[in-house]
């Protein structure tokens, strides 16, 4: 594939949704381009603001929290896998809406608790903790939310 065709394809790819630089670079290599062609197109995409790593990180973190109700840890790991810089990961996690984050956790606890089968309160609490750790919530967040929920 020549550079002109690749440029058209990658512009559509980037315009469709926010992408990380790693994703775009991999896509360009998958198209069969050489390193110098990839670097040239990457530079163009960044200069023309088709690619913006900070914008990507902020959007990714906010949408995963809002739509999939992921916890901080899971968002952080996913951003690392996407090749986002540590500084931007911290920034995007810090920018999450704390009120919505807490209400997500509370709503998920109520929803999950209705589906659980358990023989003791200890087992119930352990199942909830394991589930929310797997969803990327931090131990301290889970502990506080469960304490409030189990009091009721």
C-alpha atoms as a PDB file:
ATOM      1  CA  UNK A   1       0.000   0.000   0.000  1.00  0.00           C
ATOM      2  CA  UNK A   2       1.383   3.409  -0.862  1.00  0.00           C
ATOM      3  CA  UNK A   3       1.561   6.343   1.538  1.00  0.00           C
ATOM      4  CA  UNK A   4      -1.346   8.250  -0.040  1.00  0.00           C
ATOM      5  CA  UNK A   5      -3.777   5.342   0.357  1.00  0.00           C
ATOM      6  CA  UNK A   6      -2.513   4.653   3.870  1.00  0.00           C
ATOM      7  CA  UNK A   7      -2.956   8.332   4.780  1.00  0.00           C
ATOM      8  CA  UNK A   8      -6.592   8.291   3.609  1.00  0.00           C
ATOM      9  CA  UNK A   9      -7.313   5.103   5.561  1.00  0.00           C
ATOM     10  CA  UNK A  10      -5.589   6.255   8.738  1.00  0.00           C
ATOM     11  CA  UNK A  11      -7.335   9.636   8.672  1.00  0.00           C
ATOM     12  CA  UNK A  12     -10.698   7.850   8.632  1.00  0.00           C
ATOM     13  CA  UNK A  13      -9.479   5.485  11.357  1.00  0.00           C
ATOM     14  CA  UNK A  14      -8.485   8.409  13.602  1.00  0.00           C
ATOM     15  CA  UNK A  15     -11.570  10.499  12.807  1.00  0.00           C
ATOM     16  CA  UNK A  16     -13.918   7.653  13.735  1.00  0.00           C
ATOM     17  CA  UNK A  17     -12.889   7.626  17.404  1.00  0.00           C
ATOM     18  CA  UNK A  18     -10.056   8.667  19.698  1.00  0.00           C
ATOM     19  CA  UNK A  19      -7.007   6.418  19.320  1.00  0.00           C
ATOM     20  CA  UNK A  20      -3.738   6.033  21.168  1.00  0.00           C
ATOM     21  CA  UNK A  21      -0.493   6.542  19.310  1.00  0.00           C
ATOM     22  CA  UNK A  22       0.370   2.880  19.846  1.00  0.00           C
ATOM     23  CA  UNK A  23      -2.894   1.746  18.207  1.00  0.00           C
ATOM     24  CA  UNK A  24      -2.349   3.991  15.196  1.00  0.00           C
ATOM     25  CA  UNK A  25       1.273   2.976  14.814  1.00  0.00           C
ATOM     26  CA  UNK A  26       0.323  -0.720  14.925  1.00  0.00           C
ATOM     27  CA  UNK A  27      -2.402  -0.123  12.344  1.00  0.00           C
ATOM     28  CA  UNK A  28       0.099   1.583  10.007  1.00  0.00           C
ATOM     29  CA  UNK A  29       2.554  -1.297  10.346  1.00  0.00           C
ATOM     30  CA  UNK A  30      -0.301  -3.742   9.673  1.00  0.00           C
ATOM     31  CA  UNK A  31      -0.894  -1.868   6.412  1.00  0.00           C
ATOM     32  CA  UNK A  32       2.617  -2.866   5.388  1.00  0.00           C
ATOM     33  CA  UNK A  33       4.290   0.528   5.732  1.00  0.00           C
ATOM     34  CA  UNK A  34       7.962   0.981   6.583  1.00  0.00           C
ATOM     35  CA  UNK A  35       9.258   2.757   9.675  1.00  0.00           C
ATOM     36  CA  UNK A  36      10.075   6.043   7.918  1.00  0.00           C
ATOM     37  CA  UNK A  37       6.601   6.139   6.321  1.00  0.00           C
ATOM     38  CA  UNK A  38       4.966   5.368   9.670  1.00  0.00           C
ATOM     39  CA  UNK A  39       6.972   8.091  11.427  1.00  0.00           C
ATOM     40  CA  UNK A  40       6.073  10.612   8.723  1.00  0.00           C
ATOM     41  CA  UNK A  41       2.348   9.832   8.977  1.00  0.00           C
ATOM     42  CA  UNK A  42       2.436   9.852  12.782  1.00  0.00           C
ATOM     43  CA  UNK A  43       4.024  13.304  12.752  1.00  0.00           C
ATOM     44  CA  UNK A  44       1.346  14.535  10.336  1.00  0.00           C
ATOM     45  CA  UNK A  45      -1.481  13.114  12.473  1.00  0.00           C
ATOM     46  CA  UNK A  46      -0.124  14.747  15.618  1.00  0.00           C
ATOM     47  CA  UNK A  47       0.471  18.115  13.942  1.00  0.00           C
ATOM     48  CA  UNK A  48      -3.033  18.122  12.440  1.00  0.00           C
ATOM     49  CA  UNK A  49      -4.505  17.117  15.830  1.00  0.00           C
ATOM     50  CA  UNK A  50      -5.945  13.817  14.620  1.00  0.00           C
ATOM     51  CA  UNK A  51      -3.876  12.220  17.368  1.00  0.00           C
ATOM     52  CA  UNK A  52      -3.669  13.681  20.833  1.00  0.00           C
ATOM     53  CA  UNK A  53      -2.530  11.336  23.576  1.00  0.00           C
ATOM     54  CA  UNK A  54      -3.834  13.537  26.402  1.00  0.00           C
ATOM     55  CA  UNK A  55      -7.268  13.867  24.792  1.00  0.00           C
ATOM     56  CA  UNK A  56      -7.328  10.105  24.199  1.00  0.00           C
ATOM     57  CA  UNK A  57      -6.436   9.281  27.829  1.00  0.00           C
ATOM     58  CA  UNK A  58      -9.047  11.659  29.266  1.00  0.00           C
ATOM     59  CA  UNK A  59     -11.767  10.402  26.947  1.00  0.00           C
ATOM     60  CA  UNK A  60     -10.875   6.730  27.476  1.00  0.00           C
ATOM     61  CA  UNK A  61     -10.865   6.994  31.288  1.00  0.00           C
ATOM     62  CA  UNK A  62     -14.112   8.968  31.470  1.00  0.00           C
ATOM     63  CA  UNK A  63     -15.983   6.736  29.040  1.00  0.00           C
ATOM     64  CA  UNK A  64     -14.860   3.460  30.669  1.00  0.00           C
ATOM     65  CA  UNK A  65     -15.929   4.777  34.059  1.00  0.00           C
ATOM     66  CA  UNK A  66     -19.251   6.088  32.750  1.00  0.00           C
ATOM     67  CA  UNK A  67     -20.258   3.309  30.354  1.00  0.00           C
ATOM     68  CA  UNK A  68     -18.606   0.143  31.653  1.00  0.00           C
ATOM     69  CA  UNK A  69     -18.371   1.329  35.267  1.00  0.00           C
ATOM     70  CA  UNK A  70     -14.724   0.309  35.556  1.00  0.00           C
ATOM     71  CA  UNK A  71     -12.696   1.168  38.615  1.00  0.00           C
ATOM     72  CA  UNK A  72      -9.522   3.262  38.698  1.00  0.00           C
ATOM     73  CA  UNK A  73      -7.149   0.297  38.660  1.00  0.00           C
ATOM     74  CA  UNK A  74      -8.713  -1.363  35.615  1.00  0.00           C
ATOM     75  CA  UNK A  75      -8.685   1.941  33.694  1.00  0.00           C
ATOM     76  CA  UNK A  76      -5.040   2.461  34.637  1.00  0.00           C
ATOM     77  CA  UNK A  77      -4.023  -1.007  33.424  1.00  0.00           C
ATOM     78  CA  UNK A  78      -5.943  -0.588  30.151  1.00  0.00           C
ATOM     79  CA  UNK A  79      -4.253   2.763  29.487  1.00  0.00           C
ATOM     80  CA  UNK A  80      -0.834   1.205  30.142  1.00  0.00           C
ATOM     81  CA  UNK A  81      -1.653  -1.512  27.611  1.00  0.00           C
ATOM     82  CA  UNK A  82      -2.516   1.227  25.111  1.00  0.00           C
ATOM     83  CA  UNK A  83       0.960   2.696  25.588  1.00  0.00           C
ATOM     84  CA  UNK A  84      -0.102   5.899  27.336  1.00  0.00           C
ATOM     85  CA  UNK A  85       2.530   7.723  29.397  1.00  0.00           C
ATOM     86  CA  UNK A  86       2.370   7.345  33.184  1.00  0.00           C
ATOM     87  CA  UNK A  87       1.915  11.108  33.678  1.00  0.00           C
ATOM     88  CA  UNK A  88      -1.153  11.145  31.405  1.00  0.00           C
ATOM     89  CA  UNK A  89      -2.586   8.072  33.121  1.00  0.00           C
ATOM     90  CA  UNK A  90      -2.359   9.763  36.518  1.00  0.00           C
ATOM     91  CA  UNK A  91      -3.860  12.949  35.081  1.00  0.00           C
ATOM     92  CA  UNK A  92      -6.823  11.155  33.490  1.00  0.00           C
ATOM     93  CA  UNK A  93      -7.532   9.104  36.637  1.00  0.00           C
ATOM     94  CA  UNK A  94      -7.437  12.271  38.760  1.00  0.00           C
ATOM     95  CA  UNK A  95      -9.899  13.970  36.388  1.00  0.00           C
ATOM     96  CA  UNK A  96     -12.608  11.325  36.869  1.00  0.00           C
ATOM     97  CA  UNK A  97     -15.883  12.601  38.284  1.00  0.00           C
ATOM     98  CA  UNK A  98     -15.676  11.450  41.916  1.00  0.00           C
ATOM     99  CA  UNK A  99     -19.409  11.713  42.573  1.00  0.00           C
ATOM    100  CA  UNK A 100     -20.308   9.592  39.557  1.00  0.00           C
ATOM    101  CA  UNK A 101     -17.502   7.157  40.410  1.00  0.00           C
ATOM    102  CA  UNK A 102     -18.905   6.624  43.921  1.00  0.00           C
ATOM    103  CA  UNK A 103     -22.483   6.327  42.719  1.00  0.00           C
ATOM    104  CA  UNK A 104     -21.361   3.770  40.097  1.00  0.00           C
ATOM    105  CA  UNK A 105     -19.828   1.638  42.831  1.00  0.00           C
ATOM    106  CA  UNK A 106     -22.906   1.931  45.063  1.00  0.00           C
ATOM    107  CA  UNK A 107     -25.276   1.027  42.215  1.00  0.00           C
ATOM    108  CA  UNK A 108     -23.105  -1.924  41.196  1.00  0.00           C
ATOM    109  CA  UNK A 109     -23.011  -3.221  44.780  1.00  0.00           C
ATOM    110  CA  UNK A 110     -26.812  -3.200  44.969  1.00  0.00           C
ATOM    111  CA  UNK A 111     -27.134  -4.876  41.566  1.00  0.00           C
ATOM    112  CA  UNK A 112     -24.505  -7.562  42.271  1.00  0.00           C
ATOM    113  CA  UNK A 113     -25.845  -8.265  45.754  1.00  0.00           C
ATOM    114  CA  UNK A 114     -29.271  -9.180  44.300  1.00  0.00           C
ATOM    115  CA  UNK A 115     -27.698 -11.906  42.133  1.00  0.00           C
ATOM    116  CA  UNK A 116     -25.450 -13.489  44.790  1.00  0.00           C
ATOM    117  CA  UNK A 117     -26.029 -16.857  46.391  1.00  0.00           C
ATOM    118  CA  UNK A 118     -24.328 -17.197  49.763  1.00  0.00           C
ATOM    119  CA  UNK A 119     -24.634 -19.164  52.974  1.00  0.00           C
ATOM    120  CA  UNK A 120     -23.192 -16.594  55.378  1.00  0.00           C
ATOM    121  CA  UNK A 121     -22.601 -12.860  55.652  1.00  0.00           C
ATOM    122  CA  UNK A 122     -18.866 -13.524  55.501  1.00  0.00           C
ATOM    123  CA  UNK A 123     -19.224 -15.372  52.184  1.00  0.00           C
ATOM    124  CA  UNK A 124     -21.471 -12.606  50.842  1.00  0.00           C
ATOM    125  CA  UNK A 125     -18.926  -9.929  51.686  1.00  0.00           C
ATOM    126  CA  UNK A 126     -16.025 -11.959  50.232  1.00  0.00           C
ATOM    127  CA  UNK A 127     -17.868 -12.509  46.953  1.00  0.00           C
ATOM    128  CA  UNK A 128     -18.639  -8.797  46.673  1.00  0.00           C
ATOM    129  CA  UNK A 129     -15.036  -7.845  47.432  1.00  0.00           C
ATOM    130  CA  UNK A 130     -13.633 -10.277  44.846  1.00  0.00           C
ATOM    131  CA  UNK A 131     -16.074  -9.068  42.216  1.00  0.00           C
ATOM    132  CA  UNK A 132     -15.230  -5.394  42.711  1.00  0.00           C
ATOM    133  CA  UNK A 133     -11.506  -6.010  42.835  1.00  0.00           C
ATOM    134  CA  UNK A 134     -11.871  -7.676  39.433  1.00  0.00           C
ATOM    135  CA  UNK A 135     -13.759  -4.601  38.185  1.00  0.00           C
ATOM    136  CA  UNK A 136     -10.742  -2.468  39.075  1.00  0.00           C
ATOM    137  CA  UNK A 137     -11.950  -0.785  42.239  1.00  0.00           C
ATOM    138  CA  UNK A 138      -9.426  -0.177  44.994  1.00  0.00           C
ATOM    139  CA  UNK A 139      -9.630  -2.097  48.265  1.00  0.00           C
ATOM    140  CA  UNK A 140     -10.235   1.047  50.331  1.00  0.00           C
ATOM    141  CA  UNK A 141     -13.061   2.196  48.027  1.00  0.00           C
ATOM    142  CA  UNK A 142     -14.747  -1.215  48.214  1.00  0.00           C
ATOM    143  CA  UNK A 143     -14.361  -1.397  51.982  1.00  0.00           C
ATOM    144  CA  UNK A 144     -16.012   2.005  52.536  1.00  0.00           C
ATOM    145  CA  UNK A 145     -18.832   1.350  50.069  1.00  0.00           C
ATOM    146  CA  UNK A 146     -19.553  -2.128  51.486  1.00  0.00           C
ATOM    147  CA  UNK A 147     -19.520  -0.831  55.036  1.00  0.00           C
ATOM    148  CA  UNK A 148     -22.211   1.710  54.111  1.00  0.00           C
ATOM    149  CA  UNK A 149     -24.209  -0.836  52.083  1.00  0.00           C
ATOM    150  CA  UNK A 150     -24.131  -3.659  54.631  1.00  0.00           C
ATOM    151  CA  UNK A 151     -25.251  -1.333  57.452  1.00  0.00           C
ATOM    152  CA  UNK A 152     -28.562  -0.744  55.720  1.00  0.00           C
END
